[in-house]
C-alpha cells in the first residue's frame, strides 16, 4: 500500500472481498501503511473491524 494515494469506493469493495476471503482461509488480514488518509479511510469505512492496520512491517511482531 506504499504507493497508494487514495482508495475509491470500487477499491474499498474489492478490499472487503479480499478481507473476507483471507479471513476465511488464512485467519485475517493486516494492512501496512503510514499514509494518514488511508488510515482514516479504512477506519471510516469500517475495514478495521475485520482487518488490522500497522504503520510499519516491524509492528507485525507485536500483533497477537
PDB file of N, CA and C in Angstrom:
ATOM      1  N   UNK A   1       0.825  -1.190   0.000  1.00  0.00           N
ATOM      2  CA  UNK A   1       0.000   0.000   0.000  1.00  0.00           C
ATOM      3  C   UNK A   1       0.874   1.260   0.000  1.00  0.00           C
ATOM      4  N   UNK A   2       2.155   1.081  -0.085  1.00  0.00           N
ATOM      5  CA  UNK A   2       3.079   2.216  -0.020  1.00  0.00           C
ATOM      6  C   UNK A   2       2.825   3.243  -1.114  1.00  0.00           C
ATOM      7  N   UNK A   3       2.533   2.792  -2.305  1.00  0.00           N
ATOM      8  CA  UNK A   3       2.350   3.696  -3.435  1.00  0.00           C
ATOM      9  C   UNK A   3       0.915   4.196  -3.584  1.00  0.00           C
ATOM     10  N   UNK A   4       0.005   3.712  -2.776  1.00  0.00           N
ATOM     11  CA  UNK A   4      -1.402   4.081  -2.884  1.00  0.00           C
ATOM     12  C   UNK A   4      -1.627   5.485  -2.341  1.00  0.00           C
ATOM     13  N   UNK A   5      -2.247   6.327  -3.157  1.00  0.00           N
ATOM     14  CA  UNK A   5      -2.535   7.697  -2.751  1.00  0.00           C
ATOM     15  C   UNK A   5      -3.931   7.808  -2.120  1.00  0.00           C
ATOM     16  N   UNK A   6      -4.927   7.219  -2.777  1.00  0.00           N
ATOM     17  CA  UNK A   6      -6.302   7.240  -2.283  1.00  0.00           C
ATOM     18  C   UNK A   6      -6.960   5.911  -2.643  1.00  0.00           C
ATOM     19  N   UNK A   7      -8.078   5.620  -1.991  1.00  0.00           N
ATOM     20  CA  UNK A   7      -8.849   4.425  -2.301  1.00  0.00           C
ATOM     21  C   UNK A   7     -10.282   4.879  -2.553  1.00  0.00           C
ATOM     22  N   UNK A   8     -10.810   4.552  -3.739  1.00  0.00           N
ATOM     23  CA  UNK A   8     -12.185   4.928  -4.040  1.00  0.00           C
ATOM     24  C   UNK A   8     -13.146   3.814  -3.645  1.00  0.00           C
ATOM     25  N   UNK A   9     -14.423   3.987  -3.918  1.00  0.00           N
ATOM     26  CA  UNK A   9     -15.435   3.021  -3.491  1.00  0.00           C
ATOM     27  C   UNK A   9     -15.244   1.656  -4.133  1.00  0.00           C
ATOM     28  N   UNK A  10     -14.789   1.615  -5.380  1.00  0.00           N
ATOM     29  CA  UNK A  10     -14.522   0.333  -6.040  1.00  0.00           C
ATOM     30  C   UNK A  10     -13.360  -0.365  -5.337  1.00  0.00           C
ATOM     31  N   UNK A  11     -12.334   0.385  -5.007  1.00  0.00           N
ATOM     32  CA  UNK A  11     -11.192  -0.176  -4.291  1.00  0.00           C
ATOM     33  C   UNK A  11     -11.583  -0.707  -2.922  1.00  0.00           C
ATOM     34  N   UNK A  12     -12.441   0.030  -2.225  1.00  0.00           N
ATOM     35  CA  UNK A  12     -12.906  -0.412  -0.906  1.00  0.00           C
ATOM     36  C   UNK A  12     -13.700  -1.707  -1.036  1.00  0.00           C
ATOM     37  N   UNK A  13     -14.576  -1.790  -2.023  1.00  0.00           N
ATOM     38  CA  UNK A  13     -15.372  -3.014  -2.175  1.00  0.00           C
ATOM     39  C   UNK A  13     -14.490  -4.209  -2.492  1.00  0.00           C
ATOM     40  N   UNK A  14     -13.459  -4.002  -3.278  1.00  0.00           N
ATOM     41  CA  UNK A  14     -12.521  -5.097  -3.567  1.00  0.00           C
ATOM     42  C   UNK A  14     -11.717  -5.481  -2.328  1.00  0.00           C
ATOM     43  N   UNK A  15     -11.321  -4.493  -1.553  1.00  0.00           N
ATOM     44  CA  UNK A  15     -10.606  -4.786  -0.310  1.00  0.00           C
ATOM     45  C   UNK A  15     -11.480  -5.587   0.647  1.00  0.00           C
ATOM     46  N   UNK A  16     -12.767  -5.253   0.705  1.00  0.00           N
ATOM     47  CA  UNK A  16     -13.689  -6.001   1.562  1.00  0.00           C
ATOM     48  C   UNK A  16     -13.754  -7.455   1.112  1.00  0.00           C
ATOM     49  N   UNK A  17     -13.834  -7.678  -0.196  1.00  0.00           N
ATOM     50  CA  UNK A  17     -13.852  -9.048  -0.719  1.00  0.00           C
ATOM     51  C   UNK A  17     -12.580  -9.794  -0.337  1.00  0.00           C
ATOM     52  N   UNK A  18     -11.439  -9.147  -0.509  1.00  0.00           N
ATOM     53  CA  UNK A  18     -10.149  -9.770  -0.168  1.00  0.00           C
ATOM     54  C   UNK A  18     -10.091 -10.090   1.320  1.00  0.00           C
ATOM     55  N   UNK A  19     -10.524  -9.150   2.147  1.00  0.00           N
ATOM     56  CA  UNK A  19     -10.510  -9.361   3.590  1.00  0.00           C
ATOM     57  C   UNK A  19     -11.372 -10.556   3.969  1.00  0.00           C
ATOM     58  N   UNK A  20     -12.564 -10.643   3.394  1.00  0.00           N
ATOM     59  CA  UNK A  20     -13.467 -11.754   3.719  1.00  0.00           C
ATOM     60  C   UNK A  20     -12.885 -13.098   3.298  1.00  0.00           C
ATOM     61  N   UNK A  21     -12.283 -13.159   2.117  1.00  0.00           N
ATOM     62  CA  UNK A  21     -11.668 -14.402   1.642  1.00  0.00           C
ATOM     63  C   UNK A  21     -10.492 -14.789   2.540  1.00  0.00           C
ATOM     64  N   UNK A  22      -9.631 -13.821   2.815  1.00  0.00           N
ATOM     65  CA  UNK A  22      -8.454 -14.095   3.648  1.00  0.00           C
ATOM     66  C   UNK A  22      -8.841 -14.447   5.074  1.00  0.00           C
ATOM     67  N   UNK A  23      -9.901 -13.846   5.573  1.00  0.00           N
ATOM     68  CA  UNK A  23     -10.360 -14.146   6.926  1.00  0.00           C
ATOM     69  C   UNK A  23     -10.805 -15.600   7.019  1.00  0.00           C
ATOM     70  N   UNK A  24     -11.462 -16.092   5.991  1.00  0.00           N
ATOM     71  CA  UNK A  24     -11.923 -17.480   5.970  1.00  0.00           C
ATOM     72  C   UNK A  24     -10.774 -18.462   5.783  1.00  0.00           C
ATOM     73  N   UNK A  25      -9.823 -18.113   4.918  1.00  0.00           N
ATOM     74  CA  UNK A  25      -8.764 -19.056   4.559  1.00  0.00           C
ATOM     75  C   UNK A  25      -7.508 -18.934   5.408  1.00  0.00           C
ATOM     76  N   UNK A  26      -7.154 -17.723   5.796  1.00  0.00           N
ATOM     77  CA  UNK A  26      -5.871 -17.523   6.477  1.00  0.00           C
ATOM     78  C   UNK A  26      -6.016 -16.958   7.883  1.00  0.00           C
ATOM     79  N   UNK A  27      -7.208 -16.626   8.292  1.00  0.00           N
ATOM     80  CA  UNK A  27      -7.401 -16.126   9.642  1.00  0.00           C
ATOM     81  C   UNK A  27      -7.303 -14.626   9.800  1.00  0.00           C
ATOM     82  N   UNK A  28      -7.204 -13.894   8.707  1.00  0.00           N
ATOM     83  CA  UNK A  28      -7.219 -12.442   8.821  1.00  0.00           C
ATOM     84  C   UNK A  28      -6.261 -11.739   7.885  1.00  0.00           C
ATOM     85  N   UNK A  29      -6.335 -10.413   7.933  1.00  0.00           N
ATOM     86  CA  UNK A  29      -5.535  -9.552   7.057  1.00  0.00           C
ATOM     87  C   UNK A  29      -4.936  -8.434   7.898  1.00  0.00           C
ATOM     88  N   UNK A  30      -3.705  -8.077   7.569  1.00  0.00           N
ATOM     89  CA  UNK A  30      -3.055  -6.924   8.186  1.00  0.00           C
ATOM     90  C   UNK A  30      -2.558  -6.031   7.054  1.00  0.00           C
ATOM     91  N   UNK A  31      -2.981  -4.770   7.071  1.00  0.00           N
ATOM     92  CA  UNK A  31      -2.500  -3.784   6.110  1.00  0.00           C
ATOM     93  C   UNK A  31      -1.386  -2.984   6.762  1.00  0.00           C
ATOM     94  N   UNK A  32      -0.432  -2.577   5.957  1.00  0.00           N
ATOM     95  CA  UNK A  32       0.693  -1.798   6.455  1.00  0.00           C
ATOM     96  C   UNK A  32       0.790  -0.511   5.646  1.00  0.00           C
ATOM     97  N   UNK A  33       0.588   0.623   6.296  1.00  0.00           N
ATOM     98  CA  UNK A  33       0.707   1.915   5.632  1.00  0.00           C
ATOM     99  C   UNK A  33       0.947   3.010   6.666  1.00  0.00           C
ATOM    100  N   UNK A  34       1.634   4.028   6.254  1.00  0.00           N
ATOM    101  CA  UNK A  34       1.830   5.188   7.115  1.00  0.00           C
ATOM    102  C   UNK A  34       1.075   6.398   6.589  1.00  0.00           C
ATOM    103  N   UNK A  35       0.334   6.217   5.511  1.00  0.00           N
ATOM    104  CA  UNK A  35      -0.415   7.335   4.941  1.00  0.00           C
ATOM    105  C   UNK A  35      -1.663   7.621   5.787  1.00  0.00           C
ATOM    106  N   UNK A  36      -1.705   8.799   6.402  1.00  0.00           N
ATOM    107  CA  UNK A  36      -2.841   9.134   7.265  1.00  0.00           C
ATOM    108  C   UNK A  36      -4.187   9.061   6.547  1.00  0.00           C
ATOM    109  N   UNK A  37      -4.238   9.443   5.283  1.00  0.00           N
ATOM    110  CA  UNK A  37      -5.505   9.429   4.551  1.00  0.00           C
ATOM    111  C   UNK A  37      -6.026   8.002   4.405  1.00  0.00           C
ATOM    112  N   UNK A  38      -5.138   7.043   4.187  1.00  0.00           N
ATOM    113  CA  UNK A  38      -5.576   5.652   4.080  1.00  0.00           C
ATOM    114  C   UNK A  38      -6.011   5.107   5.438  1.00  0.00           C
ATOM    115  N   UNK A  39      -5.270   5.450   6.471  1.00  0.00           N
ATOM    116  CA  UNK A  39      -5.646   5.008   7.814  1.00  0.00           C
ATOM    117  C   UNK A  39      -7.046   5.520   8.164  1.00  0.00           C
ATOM    118  N   UNK A  40      -7.286   6.786   7.879  1.00  0.00           N
ATOM    119  CA  UNK A  40      -8.585   7.388   8.181  1.00  0.00           C
ATOM    120  C   UNK A  40      -9.680   6.757   7.326  1.00  0.00           C
ATOM    121  N   UNK A  41      -9.413   6.544   6.046  1.00  0.00           N
ATOM    122  CA  UNK A  41     -10.391   5.929   5.152  1.00  0.00           C
ATOM    123  C   UNK A  41     -10.751   4.531   5.612  1.00  0.00           C
ATOM    124  N   UNK A  42      -9.751   3.727   5.968  1.00  0.00           N
ATOM    125  CA  UNK A  42     -10.004   2.368   6.438  1.00  0.00           C
ATOM    126  C   UNK A  42     -10.874   2.384   7.695  1.00  0.00           C
ATOM    127  N   UNK A  43     -10.592   3.320   8.595  1.00  0.00           N
ATOM    128  CA  UNK A  43     -11.358   3.413   9.835  1.00  0.00           C
ATOM    129  C   UNK A  43     -12.802   3.837   9.544  1.00  0.00           C
ATOM    130  N   UNK A  44     -12.980   4.861   8.731  1.00  0.00           N
ATOM    131  CA  UNK A  44     -14.314   5.366   8.401  1.00  0.00           C
ATOM    132  C   UNK A  44     -15.150   4.301   7.697  1.00  0.00           C
ATOM    133  N   UNK A  45     -14.546   3.555   6.802  1.00  0.00           N
ATOM    134  CA  UNK A  45     -15.271   2.552   6.018  1.00  0.00           C
ATOM    135  C   UNK A  45     -15.507   1.260   6.797  1.00  0.00           C
ATOM    136  N   UNK A  46     -14.990   1.184   8.007  1.00  0.00           N
ATOM    137  CA  UNK A  46     -15.221   0.014   8.833  1.00  0.00           C
ATOM    138  C   UNK A  46     -14.337  -1.175   8.508  1.00  0.00           C
ATOM    139  N   UNK A  47     -13.303  -0.971   7.712  1.00  0.00           N
ATOM    140  CA  UNK A  47     -12.422  -2.074   7.345  1.00  0.00           C
ATOM    141  C   UNK A  47     -11.633  -2.602   8.542  1.00  0.00           C
ATOM    142  N   UNK A  48     -11.432  -1.766   9.537  1.00  0.00           N
ATOM    143  CA  UNK A  48     -10.621  -2.180  10.675  1.00  0.00           C
ATOM    144  C   UNK A  48     -11.390  -3.054  11.665  1.00  0.00           C
ATOM    145  N   UNK A  49     -12.676  -3.291  11.385  1.00  0.00           N
ATOM    146  CA  UNK A  49     -13.412  -4.244  12.210  1.00  0.00           C
ATOM    147  C   UNK A  49     -13.094  -5.670  11.785  1.00  0.00           C
ATOM    148  N   UNK A  50     -12.614  -5.840  10.534  1.00  0.00           N
ATOM    149  CA  UNK A  50     -12.289  -7.167  10.017  1.00  0.00           C
ATOM    150  C   UNK A  50     -10.814  -7.340   9.697  1.00  0.00           C
ATOM    151  N   UNK A  51     -10.069  -6.252   9.686  1.00  0.00           N
ATOM    152  CA  UNK A  51      -8.640  -6.307   9.355  1.00  0.00           C
ATOM    153  C   UNK A  51      -7.883  -5.436  10.351  1.00  0.00           C
ATOM    154  N   UNK A  52      -6.594  -5.629  10.399  1.00  0.00           N
ATOM    155  CA  UNK A  52      -5.737  -4.815  11.265  1.00  0.00           C
ATOM    156  C   UNK A  52      -4.903  -3.881  10.404  1.00  0.00           C
ATOM    157  N   UNK A  53      -4.414  -2.845  11.029  1.00  0.00           N
ATOM    158  CA  UNK A  53      -3.612  -1.854  10.331  1.00  0.00           C
ATOM    159  C   UNK A  53      -2.397  -1.537  11.176  1.00  0.00           C
ATOM    160  N   UNK A  54      -1.221  -1.626  10.580  1.00  0.00           N
ATOM    161  CA  UNK A  54       0.016  -1.254  11.260  1.00  0.00           C
ATOM    162  C   UNK A  54       0.751  -0.223  10.413  1.00  0.00           C
ATOM    163  N   UNK A  55       1.563   0.583  11.055  1.00  0.00           N
ATOM    164  CA  UNK A  55       2.299   1.624  10.346  1.00  0.00           C
ATOM    165  C   UNK A  55       3.611   1.111   9.768  1.00  0.00           C
ATOM    166  N   UNK A  56       4.171   0.086  10.402  1.00  0.00           N
ATOM    167  CA  UNK A  56       5.478  -0.434   9.947  1.00  0.00           C
ATOM    168  C   UNK A  56       5.435  -1.955   9.948  1.00  0.00           C
ATOM    169  N   UNK A  57       6.180  -2.561   9.061  1.00  0.00           N
ATOM    170  CA  UNK A  57       6.277  -4.014   8.996  1.00  0.00           C
ATOM    171  C   UNK A  57       6.789  -4.569  10.314  1.00  0.00           C
ATOM    172  N   UNK A  58       7.678  -3.836  10.947  1.00  0.00           N
ATOM    173  CA  UNK A  58       8.238  -4.277  12.233  1.00  0.00           C
ATOM    174  C   UNK A  58       7.151  -4.409  13.306  1.00  0.00           C
ATOM    175  N   UNK A  59       6.046  -3.676  13.149  1.00  0.00           N
ATOM    176  CA  UNK A  59       4.960  -3.749  14.114  1.00  0.00           C
ATOM    177  C   UNK A  59       4.186  -5.063  14.051  1.00  0.00           C
ATOM    178  N   UNK A  60       4.396  -5.836  12.997  1.00  0.00           N
ATOM    179  CA  UNK A  60       3.715  -7.122  12.871  1.00  0.00           C
ATOM    180  C   UNK A  60       4.098  -8.075  13.998  1.00  0.00           C
ATOM    181  N   UNK A  61       5.299  -7.945  14.488  1.00  0.00           N
ATOM    182  CA  UNK A  61       5.779  -8.833  15.557  1.00  0.00           C
ATOM    183  C   UNK A  61       5.016  -8.610  16.863  1.00  0.00           C
ATOM    184  N   UNK A  62       4.399  -7.453  17.036  1.00  0.00           N
ATOM    185  CA  UNK A  62       3.694  -7.158  18.277  1.00  0.00           C
ATOM    186  C   UNK A  62       2.223  -7.574  18.237  1.00  0.00           C
ATOM    187  N   UNK A  63       1.743  -8.047  17.078  1.00  0.00           N
ATOM    188  CA  UNK A  63       0.350  -8.484  16.976  1.00  0.00           C
ATOM    189  C   UNK A  63       0.160  -9.820  17.651  1.00  0.00           C
ATOM    190  N   UNK A  64      -1.048 -10.087  18.094  1.00  0.00           N
ATOM    191  CA  UNK A  64      -1.375 -11.366  18.740  1.00  0.00           C
ATOM    192  C   UNK A  64      -1.112 -12.523  17.811  1.00  0.00           C
TER     193      UNK A  64
END
